[in-house]
Each structure stands twice: as structure tokens, then as C-alpha cells.
Amino acid sequence: MKRFMHVALQDKQSLFSLFTGLVVSVIGTSATSQGHSGTGLMVVGASILSLAGFSLAASLHKTKQAIRPASNQLKAKEA
């Protein structure tokens, strides 16, 4: 979780997308609770949140791959 937050704070575009998706979803939820048709906004917000989540997961996987070979090189050097 700590690494996820670090990657999220480094990737400003994904962080903005998470915030935007959350705001759009909240607006859609409040519109629905007041009797208006806000389901479209909720779907758009959920889509933005899921795409931002996939982007952050890919960034997290990429940093994990970049870290792993360096640790393997250190183990080889010690042996």
C-alpha cells in the first residue's frame, strides 16, 4: 500500500483522474438521490476511476519490475 501511494503521488495525471472520477461519481450519486437521472454520471465516474486504477496498477508493476533486477544483481555480486 505504501508503494502504491508513492506511485500515485508521483503520477500526477493518474492522481488527477482519481480525483475527477470521485467528484463525478459523487455528483451522479447526489443527483440520483434527489430524483434526477444521474446514472450516466455515475457510470462515467466509475469508468474514470477504473481506468485510473489500471494506469496506477501498470505503473506499480513497472516500478516493481525495475526494482527486481537491481536486487538480483546485488545478490549475484555478493556470491
N, C-alpha and C. Protein backbone atom coordinates (compact mmCIF):
# COMPACT_ATOMS: atom_id res chain seq x y z
N MET A 1 0.82 -1.19 0.00
CA MET A 1 0.00 0.00 0.00
C MET A 1 0.87 1.26 0.00
N LYS A 2 2.00 1.19 0.73
CA LYS A 2 2.89 2.34 0.79
C LYS A 2 3.48 2.63 -0.59
N ARG A 3 3.86 1.57 -1.31
CA ARG A 3 4.42 1.74 -2.65
C ARG A 3 3.36 2.28 -3.60
N PHE A 4 2.10 1.82 -3.44
CA PHE A 4 1.00 2.30 -4.28
C PHE A 4 0.80 3.80 -4.09
N MET A 5 0.82 4.26 -2.85
CA MET A 5 0.65 5.69 -2.58
C MET A 5 1.83 6.49 -3.15
N HIS A 6 3.03 5.94 -3.07
CA HIS A 6 4.20 6.62 -3.62
C HIS A 6 4.07 6.77 -5.14
N VAL A 7 3.66 5.70 -5.82
CA VAL A 7 3.49 5.75 -7.27
C VAL A 7 2.35 6.70 -7.64
N ALA A 8 1.27 6.68 -6.84
CA ALA A 8 0.13 7.56 -7.13
C ALA A 8 0.51 9.03 -6.99
N LEU A 9 1.32 9.34 -6.00
CA LEU A 9 1.73 10.73 -5.82
C LEU A 9 2.73 11.17 -6.88
N GLN A 10 3.53 10.24 -7.42
CA GLN A 10 4.46 10.59 -8.49
C GLN A 10 3.73 10.80 -9.81
N ASP A 11 2.70 10.00 -10.05
CA ASP A 11 1.97 10.07 -11.31
C ASP A 11 0.81 11.06 -11.16
N LYS A 12 1.07 12.32 -11.41
CA LYS A 12 0.09 13.38 -11.15
C LYS A 12 -1.16 13.24 -12.02
N GLN A 13 -1.00 12.75 -13.25
CA GLN A 13 -2.16 12.62 -14.13
C GLN A 13 -3.13 11.57 -13.59
N SER A 14 -2.62 10.45 -13.10
CA SER A 14 -3.50 9.43 -12.54
C SER A 14 -4.14 9.90 -11.25
N LEU A 15 -3.40 10.66 -10.47
CA LEU A 15 -3.96 11.21 -9.24
C LEU A 15 -5.10 12.18 -9.57
N PHE A 16 -4.93 13.01 -10.58
CA PHE A 16 -5.99 13.92 -11.01
C PHE A 16 -7.18 13.13 -11.54
N SER A 17 -6.92 12.05 -12.27
CA SER A 17 -8.01 11.22 -12.79
C SER A 17 -8.80 10.57 -11.66
N LEU A 18 -8.11 10.12 -10.62
CA LEU A 18 -8.81 9.55 -9.47
C LEU A 18 -9.71 10.59 -8.81
N PHE A 19 -9.18 11.78 -8.63
CA PHE A 19 -9.96 12.86 -8.02
C PHE A 19 -11.16 13.22 -8.90
N THR A 20 -10.95 13.34 -10.20
CA THR A 20 -12.04 13.69 -11.12
C THR A 20 -13.11 12.61 -11.13
N GLY A 21 -12.70 11.36 -11.18
CA GLY A 21 -13.67 10.26 -11.16
C GLY A 21 -14.47 10.23 -9.89
N LEU A 22 -13.82 10.52 -8.78
CA LEU A 22 -14.52 10.55 -7.50
C LEU A 22 -15.54 11.69 -7.47
N VAL A 23 -15.16 12.86 -7.94
CA VAL A 23 -16.08 14.01 -7.95
C VAL A 23 -17.27 13.75 -8.87
N VAL A 24 -17.02 13.21 -10.05
CA VAL A 24 -18.11 12.94 -10.99
C VAL A 24 -19.06 11.89 -10.41
N SER A 25 -18.51 10.87 -9.76
CA SER A 25 -19.35 9.84 -9.14
C SER A 25 -20.20 10.41 -8.01
N VAL A 26 -19.62 11.29 -7.21
CA VAL A 26 -20.37 11.92 -6.12
C VAL A 26 -21.48 12.80 -6.66
N ILE A 27 -21.21 13.54 -7.72
CA ILE A 27 -22.25 14.38 -8.34
C ILE A 27 -23.38 13.51 -8.89
N GLY A 28 -23.02 12.41 -9.53
CA GLY A 28 -24.04 11.49 -10.05
C GLY A 28 -24.86 10.86 -8.94
N THR A 29 -24.21 10.50 -7.84
CA THR A 29 -24.92 9.91 -6.71
C THR A 29 -25.87 10.91 -6.08
N SER A 30 -25.40 12.14 -5.91
CA SER A 30 -26.28 13.16 -5.30
C SER A 30 -27.44 13.50 -6.23
N ALA A 31 -27.22 13.51 -7.54
CA ALA A 31 -28.31 13.78 -8.48
C ALA A 31 -29.34 12.66 -8.44
N THR A 32 -28.86 11.42 -8.32
CA THR A 32 -29.77 10.29 -8.25
C THR A 32 -30.58 10.32 -6.97
N SER A 33 -29.95 10.70 -5.86
CA SER A 33 -30.67 10.74 -4.59
C SER A 33 -31.72 11.85 -4.55
N GLN A 34 -31.56 12.85 -5.40
CA GLN A 34 -32.54 13.94 -5.46
C GLN A 34 -33.63 13.69 -6.51
N GLY A 35 -33.58 12.53 -7.15
CA GLY A 35 -34.63 12.16 -8.10
C GLY A 35 -34.30 12.45 -9.55
N HIS A 36 -33.14 12.95 -9.82
CA HIS A 36 -32.75 13.21 -11.21
C HIS A 36 -32.04 11.98 -11.79
N SER A 37 -31.84 12.00 -13.09
CA SER A 37 -31.16 10.89 -13.74
C SER A 37 -29.65 11.13 -13.68
N GLY A 38 -29.00 10.58 -12.67
CA GLY A 38 -27.56 10.75 -12.52
C GLY A 38 -26.79 9.48 -12.75
N THR A 39 -27.48 8.47 -13.29
CA THR A 39 -26.79 7.19 -13.50
C THR A 39 -25.70 7.30 -14.57
N GLY A 40 -25.92 8.14 -15.56
CA GLY A 40 -24.89 8.34 -16.58
C GLY A 40 -23.62 8.92 -15.99
N LEU A 41 -23.77 9.88 -15.10
CA LEU A 41 -22.61 10.47 -14.43
C LEU A 41 -21.91 9.43 -13.55
N MET A 42 -22.70 8.60 -12.89
CA MET A 42 -22.09 7.57 -12.05
C MET A 42 -21.30 6.57 -12.89
N VAL A 43 -21.81 6.22 -14.06
CA VAL A 43 -21.10 5.30 -14.95
C VAL A 43 -19.82 5.95 -15.47
N VAL A 44 -19.88 7.21 -15.84
CA VAL A 44 -18.69 7.91 -16.32
C VAL A 44 -17.65 8.01 -15.21
N GLY A 45 -18.09 8.35 -14.00
CA GLY A 45 -17.17 8.43 -12.86
C GLY A 45 -16.52 7.09 -12.56
N ALA A 46 -17.32 6.03 -12.60
CA ALA A 46 -16.77 4.69 -12.34
C ALA A 46 -15.77 4.30 -13.43
N SER A 47 -16.05 4.68 -14.66
CA SER A 47 -15.12 4.38 -15.76
C SER A 47 -13.80 5.12 -15.59
N ILE A 48 -13.88 6.38 -15.21
CA ILE A 48 -12.66 7.16 -14.99
C ILE A 48 -11.86 6.56 -13.85
N LEU A 49 -12.55 6.19 -12.77
CA LEU A 49 -11.86 5.58 -11.63
C LEU A 49 -11.19 4.26 -12.01
N SER A 50 -11.88 3.43 -12.79
CA SER A 50 -11.29 2.15 -13.16
C SER A 50 -10.09 2.33 -14.10
N LEU A 51 -10.18 3.26 -15.04
CA LEU A 51 -9.04 3.50 -15.94
C LEU A 51 -7.84 4.05 -15.17
N ALA A 52 -8.10 4.94 -14.23
CA ALA A 52 -7.01 5.48 -13.41
C ALA A 52 -6.41 4.38 -12.54
N GLY A 53 -7.24 3.50 -12.04
CA GLY A 53 -6.74 2.37 -11.24
C GLY A 53 -5.87 1.43 -12.07
N PHE A 54 -6.30 1.14 -13.29
CA PHE A 54 -5.49 0.30 -14.17
C PHE A 54 -4.16 0.97 -14.50
N SER A 55 -4.19 2.27 -14.73
CA SER A 55 -2.97 3.01 -15.02
C SER A 55 -2.00 2.97 -13.84
N LEU A 56 -2.53 3.16 -12.64
CA LEU A 56 -1.67 3.10 -11.45
C LEU A 56 -1.15 1.69 -11.21
N ALA A 57 -1.97 0.69 -11.48
CA ALA A 57 -1.51 -0.70 -11.32
C ALA A 57 -0.40 -1.01 -12.31
N ALA A 58 -0.53 -0.52 -13.54
CA ALA A 58 0.52 -0.73 -14.53
C ALA A 58 1.81 -0.02 -14.12
N SER A 59 1.69 1.19 -13.60
CA SER A 59 2.87 1.93 -13.13
C SER A 59 3.52 1.22 -11.96
N LEU A 60 2.70 0.67 -11.07
CA LEU A 60 3.21 -0.06 -9.92
C LEU A 60 3.94 -1.32 -10.37
N HIS A 61 3.37 -2.01 -11.35
CA HIS A 61 4.02 -3.22 -11.88
C HIS A 61 5.34 -2.88 -12.57
N LYS A 62 5.35 -1.75 -13.28
CA LYS A 62 6.57 -1.34 -13.98
C LYS A 62 7.68 -1.00 -12.99
N THR A 63 7.35 -0.32 -11.90
CA THR A 63 8.37 0.01 -10.90
C THR A 63 8.83 -1.25 -10.17
N LYS A 64 7.93 -2.20 -9.98
CA LYS A 64 8.29 -3.45 -9.33
C LYS A 64 9.28 -4.22 -10.21
N GLN A 65 9.05 -4.21 -11.52
CA GLN A 65 9.95 -4.89 -12.45
C GLN A 65 11.30 -4.19 -12.50
N ALA A 66 11.31 -2.87 -12.38
CA ALA A 66 12.57 -2.12 -12.44
C ALA A 66 13.38 -2.34 -11.18
N ILE A 67 12.73 -2.55 -10.06
CA ILE A 67 13.44 -2.75 -8.80
C ILE A 67 14.00 -4.16 -8.71
N ARG A 68 13.29 -5.15 -9.19
CA ARG A 68 13.68 -6.54 -9.04
C ARG A 68 15.05 -6.87 -9.66
N PRO A 69 15.36 -6.48 -10.90
CA PRO A 69 16.67 -6.84 -11.46
C PRO A 69 17.84 -6.25 -10.67
N ALA A 70 17.67 -5.08 -10.11
CA ALA A 70 18.76 -4.47 -9.33
C ALA A 70 19.07 -5.31 -8.10
N SER A 71 18.04 -5.84 -7.45
CA SER A 71 18.28 -6.67 -6.27
C SER A 71 18.92 -7.99 -6.66
N ASN A 72 18.58 -8.51 -7.83
CA ASN A 72 19.22 -9.75 -8.30
C ASN A 72 20.69 -9.52 -8.63
N GLN A 73 21.03 -8.34 -9.12
CA GLN A 73 22.42 -8.04 -9.41
C GLN A 73 23.23 -7.95 -8.15
N LEU A 74 22.65 -7.40 -7.10
CA LEU A 74 23.36 -7.30 -5.83
C LEU A 74 23.61 -8.69 -5.24
N LYS A 75 22.64 -9.58 -5.35
CA LYS A 75 22.82 -10.94 -4.84
C LYS A 75 23.91 -11.66 -5.62
N ALA A 76 23.96 -11.46 -6.93
CA ALA A 76 24.98 -12.09 -7.74
C ALA A 76 26.36 -11.54 -7.41
N LYS A 77 26.43 -10.26 -7.10
CA LYS A 77 27.70 -9.63 -6.78
C LYS A 77 28.24 -10.14 -5.44
N GLU A 78 27.35 -10.40 -4.48
CA GLU A 78 27.75 -10.89 -3.16
C GLU A 78 28.25 -12.32 -3.22
N ALA A 79 27.74 -13.12 -4.13
CA ALA A 79 28.09 -14.54 -4.20
C ALA A 79 29.42 -14.79 -4.85
